[in-house]
């Protein structure tokens, strides 16, 4: 590129002043354009594969979240505890999303508030996390990222419902 730009500059500015014209053979540019085309197509395929893999992983996270909530309601006898657990499960997905993205473009507090739907429409059991719970996530202990904090709270809620992770369940 530098050589081609130099020859172009020379031919545009110095040839009109009486210097002889320069010409470059086309073969090196033809060969390099083929290689550059392959490089661009491989990079495009790689980025597309990474995007598809990320979408699949995100879909798996959402499916596992739904399964967790359904399992909690099936196996836990205390429906209020299952509802409390179900309010925290979507917080993990949101915390993970905000953790993986640029923090300047996604505010965790606002994402958690919006999780239950548009402002003022979610009431009662569908209202999501309270402001105090959202503040606990945002102002979590130093050194603990938001998804890890939410998983810690989910594990405590599981143990409170009688589903602690013992050695036998850890193997499964």
N, C-alpha and C. Protein backbone atom coordinates (compact mmCIF):
# COMPACT_ATOMS: atom_id res chain seq x y z
N UNK A 1 0.82 -1.20 0.00
CA UNK A 1 0.00 0.00 0.00
C UNK A 1 0.86 1.25 0.00
N UNK A 2 1.95 1.22 0.79
CA UNK A 2 2.83 2.38 0.86
C UNK A 2 3.51 2.60 -0.49
N UNK A 3 3.97 1.53 -1.12
CA UNK A 3 4.62 1.65 -2.42
C UNK A 3 3.64 2.17 -3.45
N UNK A 4 2.43 1.64 -3.47
CA UNK A 4 1.42 2.08 -4.44
C UNK A 4 1.06 3.54 -4.20
N UNK A 5 0.94 3.95 -2.95
CA UNK A 5 0.63 5.35 -2.65
C UNK A 5 1.77 6.27 -3.06
N UNK A 6 3.00 5.82 -2.86
CA UNK A 6 4.16 6.63 -3.26
C UNK A 6 4.21 6.80 -4.78
N UNK A 7 3.98 5.73 -5.52
CA UNK A 7 3.98 5.81 -6.98
C UNK A 7 2.85 6.72 -7.46
N UNK A 8 1.69 6.62 -6.83
CA UNK A 8 0.56 7.47 -7.20
C UNK A 8 0.89 8.94 -6.94
N UNK A 9 1.46 9.22 -5.77
CA UNK A 9 1.85 10.60 -5.45
C UNK A 9 2.87 11.12 -6.46
N UNK A 10 3.85 10.28 -6.77
CA UNK A 10 4.89 10.66 -7.74
C UNK A 10 4.28 10.98 -9.10
N UNK A 11 3.41 10.08 -9.58
CA UNK A 11 2.80 10.27 -10.90
C UNK A 11 1.85 11.47 -10.94
N UNK A 12 1.16 11.76 -9.84
CA UNK A 12 0.20 12.87 -9.83
C UNK A 12 0.88 14.23 -9.66
N UNK A 13 1.97 14.26 -8.89
CA UNK A 13 2.56 15.55 -8.54
C UNK A 13 3.90 15.85 -9.23
N UNK A 14 4.70 14.84 -9.47
CA UNK A 14 6.04 15.09 -10.00
C UNK A 14 6.15 14.87 -11.51
N UNK A 15 5.33 13.98 -12.07
CA UNK A 15 5.36 13.74 -13.52
C UNK A 15 4.95 15.01 -14.28
N UNK A 16 3.92 15.76 -13.83
CA UNK A 16 3.58 17.00 -14.56
C UNK A 16 4.72 18.03 -14.57
N UNK A 17 5.68 17.91 -13.68
CA UNK A 17 6.81 18.84 -13.65
C UNK A 17 7.95 18.39 -14.56
N UNK A 18 7.78 17.28 -15.27
CA UNK A 18 8.75 16.86 -16.25
C UNK A 18 9.52 15.59 -15.90
N UNK A 19 9.28 14.98 -14.79
CA UNK A 19 9.96 13.74 -14.44
C UNK A 19 9.32 12.57 -15.18
N UNK A 20 10.07 11.47 -15.40
CA UNK A 20 9.49 10.32 -16.12
C UNK A 20 8.43 9.61 -15.27
N UNK A 21 7.42 9.05 -15.91
CA UNK A 21 6.33 8.35 -15.21
C UNK A 21 6.81 6.98 -14.73
N UNK A 22 6.27 6.58 -13.59
CA UNK A 22 6.55 5.25 -13.03
C UNK A 22 5.32 4.37 -13.19
N UNK A 23 5.56 3.07 -13.34
CA UNK A 23 4.46 2.10 -13.44
C UNK A 23 4.81 0.89 -12.61
N UNK A 24 3.81 0.32 -11.97
CA UNK A 24 3.99 -0.89 -11.17
C UNK A 24 3.38 -2.07 -11.90
N UNK A 25 4.02 -3.24 -11.81
CA UNK A 25 3.41 -4.42 -12.44
C UNK A 25 2.15 -4.84 -11.65
N UNK A 26 1.17 -5.35 -12.33
CA UNK A 26 -0.11 -5.70 -11.71
C UNK A 26 -0.06 -7.05 -11.00
N UNK A 27 0.90 -7.91 -11.32
CA UNK A 27 0.93 -9.26 -10.76
C UNK A 27 1.01 -9.29 -9.23
N UNK A 28 1.89 -8.51 -8.57
CA UNK A 28 1.91 -8.58 -7.09
C UNK A 28 0.57 -8.17 -6.46
N UNK A 29 -0.10 -7.20 -7.07
CA UNK A 29 -1.38 -6.76 -6.51
C UNK A 29 -2.46 -7.80 -6.74
N UNK A 30 -2.39 -8.49 -7.85
CA UNK A 30 -3.36 -9.54 -8.15
C UNK A 30 -3.21 -10.70 -7.17
N UNK A 31 -1.97 -11.11 -6.92
CA UNK A 31 -1.73 -12.21 -5.98
C UNK A 31 -2.10 -11.82 -4.56
N UNK A 32 -1.74 -10.62 -4.16
CA UNK A 32 -2.04 -10.20 -2.78
C UNK A 32 -3.54 -9.99 -2.58
N UNK A 33 -4.27 -9.60 -3.63
CA UNK A 33 -5.71 -9.42 -3.47
C UNK A 33 -6.40 -10.76 -3.22
N UNK A 34 -5.91 -11.82 -3.85
CA UNK A 34 -6.47 -13.16 -3.60
C UNK A 34 -6.25 -13.57 -2.15
N UNK A 35 -5.03 -13.36 -1.65
CA UNK A 35 -4.71 -13.72 -0.26
C UNK A 35 -5.53 -12.87 0.71
N UNK A 36 -5.64 -11.59 0.44
CA UNK A 36 -6.44 -10.72 1.31
C UNK A 36 -7.91 -11.12 1.30
N UNK A 37 -8.41 -11.52 0.15
CA UNK A 37 -9.79 -11.99 0.07
C UNK A 37 -10.02 -13.23 0.91
N UNK A 38 -9.08 -14.17 0.86
CA UNK A 38 -9.20 -15.37 1.71
C UNK A 38 -9.14 -15.00 3.19
N UNK A 39 -8.24 -14.11 3.54
CA UNK A 39 -8.11 -13.70 4.93
C UNK A 39 -9.39 -13.07 5.44
N UNK A 40 -9.98 -12.20 4.65
CA UNK A 40 -11.23 -11.54 5.06
C UNK A 40 -12.35 -12.56 5.19
N UNK A 41 -12.44 -13.51 4.26
CA UNK A 41 -13.52 -14.49 4.35
C UNK A 41 -13.33 -15.41 5.56
N UNK A 42 -12.11 -15.80 5.87
CA UNK A 42 -11.87 -16.63 7.06
C UNK A 42 -12.22 -15.87 8.33
N UNK A 43 -11.86 -14.61 8.38
CA UNK A 43 -12.18 -13.80 9.57
C UNK A 43 -13.68 -13.62 9.71
N UNK A 44 -14.38 -13.44 8.59
CA UNK A 44 -15.83 -13.30 8.63
C UNK A 44 -16.47 -14.59 9.12
N UNK A 45 -16.01 -15.73 8.61
CA UNK A 45 -16.54 -17.02 9.07
C UNK A 45 -16.28 -17.23 10.54
N UNK A 46 -15.09 -16.89 11.01
CA UNK A 46 -14.76 -17.06 12.41
C UNK A 46 -15.64 -16.19 13.30
N UNK A 47 -15.82 -14.94 12.91
CA UNK A 47 -16.66 -14.06 13.72
C UNK A 47 -18.12 -14.51 13.70
N UNK A 48 -18.59 -15.00 12.56
CA UNK A 48 -19.96 -15.50 12.49
C UNK A 48 -20.13 -16.74 13.37
N UNK A 49 -19.14 -17.63 13.36
CA UNK A 49 -19.21 -18.82 14.22
C UNK A 49 -19.22 -18.45 15.69
N UNK A 50 -18.42 -17.45 16.06
CA UNK A 50 -18.41 -17.00 17.46
C UNK A 50 -19.76 -16.41 17.84
N UNK A 51 -20.37 -15.66 16.93
CA UNK A 51 -21.68 -15.08 17.19
C UNK A 51 -22.73 -16.18 17.38
N UNK A 52 -22.72 -17.18 16.51
CA UNK A 52 -23.69 -18.28 16.62
C UNK A 52 -23.48 -19.05 17.92
N UNK A 53 -22.23 -19.30 18.29
CA UNK A 53 -21.94 -19.99 19.55
C UNK A 53 -22.42 -19.17 20.75
N UNK A 54 -22.20 -17.87 20.71
CA UNK A 54 -22.66 -17.01 21.80
C UNK A 54 -24.18 -17.02 21.90
N UNK A 55 -24.86 -16.97 20.75
CA UNK A 55 -26.34 -17.03 20.77
C UNK A 55 -26.82 -18.36 21.34
N UNK A 56 -26.17 -19.46 20.98
CA UNK A 56 -26.55 -20.77 21.51
C UNK A 56 -26.33 -20.83 23.01
N UNK A 57 -25.18 -20.31 23.47
CA UNK A 57 -24.92 -20.31 24.91
C UNK A 57 -25.92 -19.45 25.65
N UNK A 58 -26.26 -18.30 25.09
CA UNK A 58 -27.25 -17.43 25.75
C UNK A 58 -28.61 -18.12 25.79
N UNK A 59 -28.99 -18.79 24.72
CA UNK A 59 -30.24 -19.55 24.72
C UNK A 59 -30.24 -20.65 25.76
N UNK A 60 -29.10 -21.31 25.93
CA UNK A 60 -28.99 -22.35 26.97
C UNK A 60 -29.17 -21.75 28.36
N UNK A 61 -28.59 -20.58 28.59
CA UNK A 61 -28.74 -19.92 29.90
C UNK A 61 -30.20 -19.61 30.16
N UNK A 62 -30.91 -19.09 29.16
CA UNK A 62 -32.32 -18.77 29.35
C UNK A 62 -33.16 -20.03 29.57
N UNK A 63 -32.85 -21.10 28.83
CA UNK A 63 -33.59 -22.36 29.02
C UNK A 63 -33.35 -22.96 30.40
N UNK A 64 -32.11 -22.93 30.85
CA UNK A 64 -31.81 -23.45 32.19
C UNK A 64 -32.50 -22.60 33.25
N UNK A 65 -32.58 -21.29 33.03
CA UNK A 65 -33.28 -20.42 33.98
C UNK A 65 -34.75 -20.80 34.08
N UNK A 66 -35.38 -21.03 32.94
CA UNK A 66 -36.79 -21.45 32.97
C UNK A 66 -36.95 -22.80 33.67
N UNK A 67 -36.03 -23.72 33.38
CA UNK A 67 -36.09 -25.04 34.02
C UNK A 67 -35.92 -24.93 35.53
N UNK A 68 -35.03 -24.05 35.98
CA UNK A 68 -34.83 -23.87 37.42
C UNK A 68 -36.12 -23.40 38.09
N UNK A 69 -36.78 -22.45 37.48
CA UNK A 69 -38.02 -21.94 38.07
C UNK A 69 -39.09 -23.02 38.09
N UNK A 70 -39.24 -23.75 37.00
CA UNK A 70 -40.25 -24.82 36.96
C UNK A 70 -39.93 -25.90 37.99
N UNK A 71 -38.67 -26.25 38.12
CA UNK A 71 -38.27 -27.27 39.10
C UNK A 71 -38.54 -26.80 40.51
N UNK A 72 -38.27 -25.53 40.78
CA UNK A 72 -38.54 -25.00 42.12
C UNK A 72 -40.01 -25.12 42.46
N UNK A 73 -40.89 -24.79 41.53
CA UNK A 73 -42.31 -24.88 41.82
C UNK A 73 -42.80 -26.32 41.90
N UNK A 74 -42.13 -27.25 41.20
CA UNK A 74 -42.54 -28.65 41.26
C UNK A 74 -42.12 -29.32 42.56
N UNK A 75 -40.92 -29.03 43.05
CA UNK A 75 -40.36 -29.79 44.15
C UNK A 75 -40.47 -29.11 45.51
N UNK A 76 -40.67 -27.82 45.54
CA UNK A 76 -40.71 -27.12 46.82
C UNK A 76 -42.15 -27.03 47.29
N UNK A 77 -42.37 -27.37 48.54
CA UNK A 77 -43.73 -27.35 49.08
C UNK A 77 -44.16 -25.95 49.47
N UNK A 78 -43.21 -25.10 49.85
CA UNK A 78 -43.51 -23.72 50.23
C UNK A 78 -43.53 -22.86 48.97
N UNK A 79 -44.76 -22.55 48.51
CA UNK A 79 -44.89 -21.81 47.25
C UNK A 79 -44.31 -20.40 47.35
N UNK A 80 -44.38 -19.79 48.51
CA UNK A 80 -43.83 -18.44 48.68
C UNK A 80 -42.31 -18.45 48.52
N UNK A 81 -41.65 -19.48 49.04
CA UNK A 81 -40.20 -19.59 48.87
C UNK A 81 -39.85 -19.81 47.41
N UNK A 82 -40.67 -20.59 46.69
CA UNK A 82 -40.43 -20.82 45.26
C UNK A 82 -40.62 -19.52 44.48
N UNK A 83 -41.61 -18.71 44.85
CA UNK A 83 -41.80 -17.42 44.19
C UNK A 83 -40.61 -16.49 44.44
N UNK A 84 -40.12 -16.50 45.66
CA UNK A 84 -38.96 -15.67 45.99
C UNK A 84 -37.75 -16.11 45.17
N UNK A 85 -37.55 -17.42 45.06
CA UNK A 85 -36.46 -17.96 44.24
C UNK A 85 -36.64 -17.55 42.77
N UNK A 86 -37.88 -17.64 42.28
CA UNK A 86 -38.16 -17.32 40.88
C UNK A 86 -37.91 -15.85 40.57
N UNK A 87 -38.04 -14.97 41.56
CA UNK A 87 -37.75 -13.55 41.33
C UNK A 87 -36.27 -13.31 41.12
N UNK A 88 -35.42 -14.18 41.70
CA UNK A 88 -33.98 -13.98 41.62
C UNK A 88 -33.34 -14.63 40.40
N UNK A 89 -33.97 -15.62 39.81
CA UNK A 89 -33.36 -16.33 38.68
C UNK A 89 -33.10 -15.41 37.48
N UNK A 90 -34.05 -14.57 37.06
CA UNK A 90 -33.75 -13.68 35.92
C UNK A 90 -32.65 -12.67 36.23
N UNK A 91 -32.44 -12.38 37.49
CA UNK A 91 -31.40 -11.42 37.87
C UNK A 91 -30.02 -11.95 37.47
N UNK A 92 -29.84 -13.28 37.48
CA UNK A 92 -28.55 -13.83 37.06
C UNK A 92 -28.29 -13.53 35.58
N UNK A 93 -29.29 -13.78 34.73
CA UNK A 93 -29.10 -13.53 33.30
C UNK A 93 -28.80 -12.06 33.04
N UNK A 94 -29.52 -11.18 33.71
CA UNK A 94 -29.29 -9.75 33.53
C UNK A 94 -27.92 -9.33 34.04
N UNK A 95 -27.54 -9.85 35.20
CA UNK A 95 -26.23 -9.51 35.76
C UNK A 95 -25.12 -10.02 34.85
N UNK A 96 -25.28 -11.21 34.30
CA UNK A 96 -24.29 -11.75 33.38
C UNK A 96 -24.21 -10.91 32.11
N UNK A 97 -25.35 -10.51 31.58
CA UNK A 97 -25.37 -9.67 30.38
C UNK A 97 -24.62 -8.36 30.62
N UNK A 98 -24.92 -7.71 31.74
CA UNK A 98 -24.26 -6.44 32.04
C UNK A 98 -22.78 -6.64 32.34
N UNK A 99 -22.42 -7.79 32.91
CA UNK A 99 -21.02 -8.07 33.21
C UNK A 99 -20.21 -8.28 31.94
N UNK A 100 -20.81 -8.90 30.92
CA UNK A 100 -20.11 -9.19 29.69
C UNK A 100 -20.06 -8.00 28.74
N UNK A 101 -20.97 -7.06 28.89
CA UNK A 101 -21.01 -5.91 28.00
C UNK A 101 -20.28 -4.72 28.63
N UNK A 102 -20.12 -3.68 27.83
CA UNK A 102 -19.46 -2.47 28.28
C UNK A 102 -20.32 -1.81 29.37
N UNK A 103 -19.75 -1.56 30.56
CA UNK A 103 -20.56 -0.99 31.65
C UNK A 103 -21.07 0.42 31.34
N UNK A 104 -20.45 1.11 30.40
CA UNK A 104 -20.93 2.46 30.06
C UNK A 104 -22.22 2.41 29.25
N UNK A 105 -22.50 1.28 28.60
CA UNK A 105 -23.70 1.20 27.77
C UNK A 105 -24.86 0.47 28.46
N UNK A 106 -24.59 -0.22 29.57
CA UNK A 106 -25.65 -0.95 30.28
C UNK A 106 -25.53 -0.70 31.77
N UNK A 107 -26.57 -0.11 32.34
CA UNK A 107 -26.62 0.14 33.77
C UNK A 107 -27.33 -1.04 34.43
N UNK A 108 -26.62 -1.73 35.30
CA UNK A 108 -27.18 -2.93 35.95
C UNK A 108 -28.44 -2.60 36.72
N UNK A 109 -28.43 -1.50 37.44
CA UNK A 109 -29.61 -1.12 38.24
C UNK A 109 -30.83 -0.93 37.33
N UNK A 110 -30.67 -0.23 36.22
CA UNK A 110 -31.79 0.00 35.32
C UNK A 110 -32.25 -1.30 34.65
N UNK A 111 -31.32 -2.16 34.29
CA UNK A 111 -31.69 -3.45 33.68
C UNK A 111 -32.50 -4.29 34.66
N UNK A 112 -32.09 -4.31 35.93
CA UNK A 112 -32.82 -5.09 36.93
C UNK A 112 -34.20 -4.50 37.20
N UNK A 113 -34.30 -3.19 37.18
CA UNK A 113 -35.62 -2.55 37.36
C UNK A 113 -36.54 -2.89 36.20
N UNK A 114 -36.01 -2.90 34.99
CA UNK A 114 -36.82 -3.14 33.80
C UNK A 114 -37.14 -4.61 33.58
N UNK A 115 -36.56 -5.50 34.37
CA UNK A 115 -36.74 -6.93 34.16
C UNK A 115 -38.19 -7.37 34.31
N UNK A 116 -38.94 -6.70 35.15
CA UNK A 116 -40.33 -7.10 35.38
C UNK A 116 -41.29 -6.47 34.37
N UNK A 117 -40.78 -5.71 33.43
CA UNK A 117 -41.63 -5.08 32.43
C UNK A 117 -41.56 -3.57 32.53
N UNK A 118 -42.36 -2.87 31.74
CA UNK A 118 -42.36 -1.41 31.77
C UNK A 118 -42.72 -0.88 33.15
N UNK A 119 -42.18 0.28 33.48
CA UNK A 119 -42.39 0.87 34.81
C UNK A 119 -43.89 1.04 35.09
N UNK A 120 -44.29 0.61 36.28
CA UNK A 120 -45.67 0.76 36.72
C UNK A 120 -46.62 -0.33 36.27
N UNK A 121 -46.20 -1.23 35.40
CA UNK A 121 -47.11 -2.27 34.91
C UNK A 121 -47.01 -3.55 35.73
N UNK A 122 -45.85 -3.80 36.33
CA UNK A 122 -45.67 -5.04 37.09
C UNK A 122 -46.05 -4.78 38.55
N UNK A 123 -46.96 -5.59 39.05
CA UNK A 123 -47.40 -5.42 40.44
C UNK A 123 -47.46 -6.78 41.10
N UNK A 124 -47.50 -6.76 42.40
CA UNK A 124 -47.66 -7.99 43.17
C UNK A 124 -46.53 -8.98 42.97
N UNK A 125 -46.89 -10.23 42.65
CA UNK A 125 -45.89 -11.29 42.55
C UNK A 125 -45.01 -11.17 41.32
N UNK A 126 -45.42 -10.43 40.32
CA UNK A 126 -44.62 -10.28 39.11
C UNK A 126 -43.75 -9.05 39.10
N UNK A 127 -43.56 -8.43 40.26
CA UNK A 127 -42.87 -7.14 40.28
C UNK A 127 -41.35 -7.26 40.27
N UNK A 128 -40.80 -8.43 40.28
CA UNK A 128 -39.35 -8.57 40.23
C UNK A 128 -38.70 -8.25 41.56
N UNK A 129 -37.43 -7.89 41.53
CA UNK A 129 -36.68 -7.60 42.74
C UNK A 129 -37.08 -6.25 43.31
N UNK A 130 -36.98 -6.13 44.62
CA UNK A 130 -37.26 -4.85 45.27
C UNK A 130 -36.06 -3.93 45.09
N UNK A 131 -36.27 -2.66 45.38
CA UNK A 131 -35.17 -1.69 45.29
C UNK A 131 -34.03 -2.06 46.24
N UNK A 132 -34.38 -2.58 47.41
CA UNK A 132 -33.35 -2.99 48.37
C UNK A 132 -32.52 -4.15 47.81
N UNK A 133 -33.17 -5.11 47.18
CA UNK A 133 -32.46 -6.25 46.60
C UNK A 133 -31.60 -5.81 45.41
N UNK A 134 -32.11 -4.89 44.61
CA UNK A 134 -31.32 -4.37 43.49
C UNK A 134 -30.09 -3.64 44.03
N UNK A 135 -30.27 -2.87 45.08
CA UNK A 135 -29.14 -2.15 45.68
C UNK A 135 -28.12 -3.13 46.24
N UNK A 136 -28.57 -4.24 46.82
CA UNK A 136 -27.64 -5.27 47.31
C UNK A 136 -26.78 -5.82 46.18
N UNK A 137 -27.38 -6.03 45.01
CA UNK A 137 -26.62 -6.55 43.87
C UNK A 137 -25.63 -5.50 43.37
N UNK A 138 -26.10 -4.27 43.22
CA UNK A 138 -25.25 -3.21 42.68
C UNK A 138 -24.11 -2.88 43.65
N UNK A 139 -24.40 -2.88 44.94
CA UNK A 139 -23.40 -2.55 45.96
C UNK A 139 -22.89 -3.81 46.65
N UNK A 140 -22.65 -4.84 45.88
CA UNK A 140 -22.18 -6.13 46.38
C UNK A 140 -20.79 -5.98 47.01
N UNK A 141 -20.33 -7.00 47.73
CA UNK A 141 -18.99 -6.93 48.33
C UNK A 141 -17.90 -6.75 47.27
N UNK A 142 -16.86 -6.07 47.66
CA UNK A 142 -15.73 -5.82 46.75
C UNK A 142 -15.10 -7.15 46.36
N UNK A 143 -14.78 -7.29 45.08
CA UNK A 143 -14.15 -8.51 44.58
C UNK A 143 -15.12 -9.56 44.09
N UNK A 144 -16.41 -9.32 44.24
CA UNK A 144 -17.42 -10.28 43.80
C UNK A 144 -18.18 -9.64 42.64
N UNK A 145 -18.14 -10.28 41.46
CA UNK A 145 -18.88 -9.69 40.34
C UNK A 145 -20.37 -9.97 40.50
N UNK A 146 -21.19 -9.23 39.77
CA UNK A 146 -22.64 -9.29 39.95
C UNK A 146 -23.23 -10.68 39.68
N UNK A 147 -22.84 -11.38 38.59
CA UNK A 147 -23.41 -12.72 38.39
C UNK A 147 -23.04 -13.68 39.52
N UNK A 148 -21.83 -13.58 40.02
CA UNK A 148 -21.41 -14.45 41.12
C UNK A 148 -22.21 -14.14 42.37
N UNK A 149 -22.46 -12.86 42.64
CA UNK A 149 -23.26 -12.48 43.81
C UNK A 149 -24.67 -13.03 43.70
N UNK A 150 -25.28 -12.92 42.51
CA UNK A 150 -26.65 -13.43 42.33
C UNK A 150 -26.67 -14.95 42.50
N UNK A 151 -25.67 -15.66 41.96
CA UNK A 151 -25.61 -17.12 42.16
C UNK A 151 -25.46 -17.48 43.63
N UNK A 152 -24.68 -16.68 44.35
CA UNK A 152 -24.52 -16.91 45.79
C UNK A 152 -25.88 -16.78 46.49
N UNK A 153 -26.64 -15.73 46.14
CA UNK A 153 -27.96 -15.55 46.74
C UNK A 153 -28.92 -16.68 46.34
N UNK A 154 -28.84 -17.14 45.10
CA UNK A 154 -29.69 -18.26 44.68
C UNK A 154 -29.35 -19.53 45.45
N UNK A 155 -28.06 -19.77 45.68
CA UNK A 155 -27.65 -20.95 46.44
C UNK A 155 -28.17 -20.87 47.88
N UNK A 156 -28.13 -19.67 48.49
CA UNK A 156 -28.67 -19.51 49.84
C UNK A 156 -30.17 -19.77 49.86
N UNK A 157 -30.88 -19.34 48.84
CA UNK A 157 -32.32 -19.57 48.78
C UNK A 157 -32.63 -21.05 48.58
N UNK A 158 -31.80 -21.75 47.78
CA UNK A 158 -31.98 -23.19 47.62
C UNK A 158 -31.78 -23.92 48.94
N UNK A 159 -30.75 -23.52 49.67
CA UNK A 159 -30.50 -24.15 50.97
C UNK A 159 -31.64 -23.87 51.94
N UNK A 160 -32.22 -22.67 51.89
CA UNK A 160 -33.35 -22.33 52.76
C UNK A 160 -34.58 -23.16 52.41
N UNK A 161 -34.70 -23.56 51.13
CA UNK A 161 -35.84 -24.39 50.71
C UNK A 161 -35.58 -25.87 50.96
N UNK A 162 -34.40 -26.20 51.47
CA UNK A 162 -34.09 -27.60 51.74
C UNK A 162 -33.41 -28.30 50.58
N UNK A 163 -32.90 -27.56 49.63
CA UNK A 163 -32.22 -28.14 48.48
C UNK A 163 -30.77 -27.73 48.43
N UNK A 164 -30.09 -27.81 49.55
CA UNK A 164 -28.67 -27.49 49.58
C UNK A 164 -27.89 -28.49 48.74
N UNK A 165 -26.74 -28.06 48.30
CA UNK A 165 -25.90 -28.93 47.47
C UNK A 165 -25.00 -29.75 48.39
N UNK A 166 -25.37 -31.01 48.58
CA UNK A 166 -24.51 -31.90 49.36
C UNK A 166 -23.58 -32.66 48.41
N UNK A 167 -22.74 -33.52 48.96
CA UNK A 167 -21.78 -34.24 48.13
C UNK A 167 -22.45 -35.13 47.09
N UNK A 168 -23.55 -35.77 47.45
CA UNK A 168 -24.22 -36.65 46.52
C UNK A 168 -24.84 -35.86 45.35
N UNK A 169 -25.46 -34.72 45.62
CA UNK A 169 -26.05 -33.90 44.56
C UNK A 169 -24.96 -33.23 43.72
N UNK A 170 -23.82 -32.92 44.32
CA UNK A 170 -22.73 -32.28 43.59
C UNK A 170 -22.22 -33.20 42.48
N UNK A 171 -22.22 -34.51 42.71
CA UNK A 171 -21.78 -35.47 41.71
C UNK A 171 -22.75 -35.52 40.54
N UNK A 172 -24.04 -35.42 40.81
CA UNK A 172 -25.05 -35.49 39.77
C UNK A 172 -24.98 -34.23 38.94
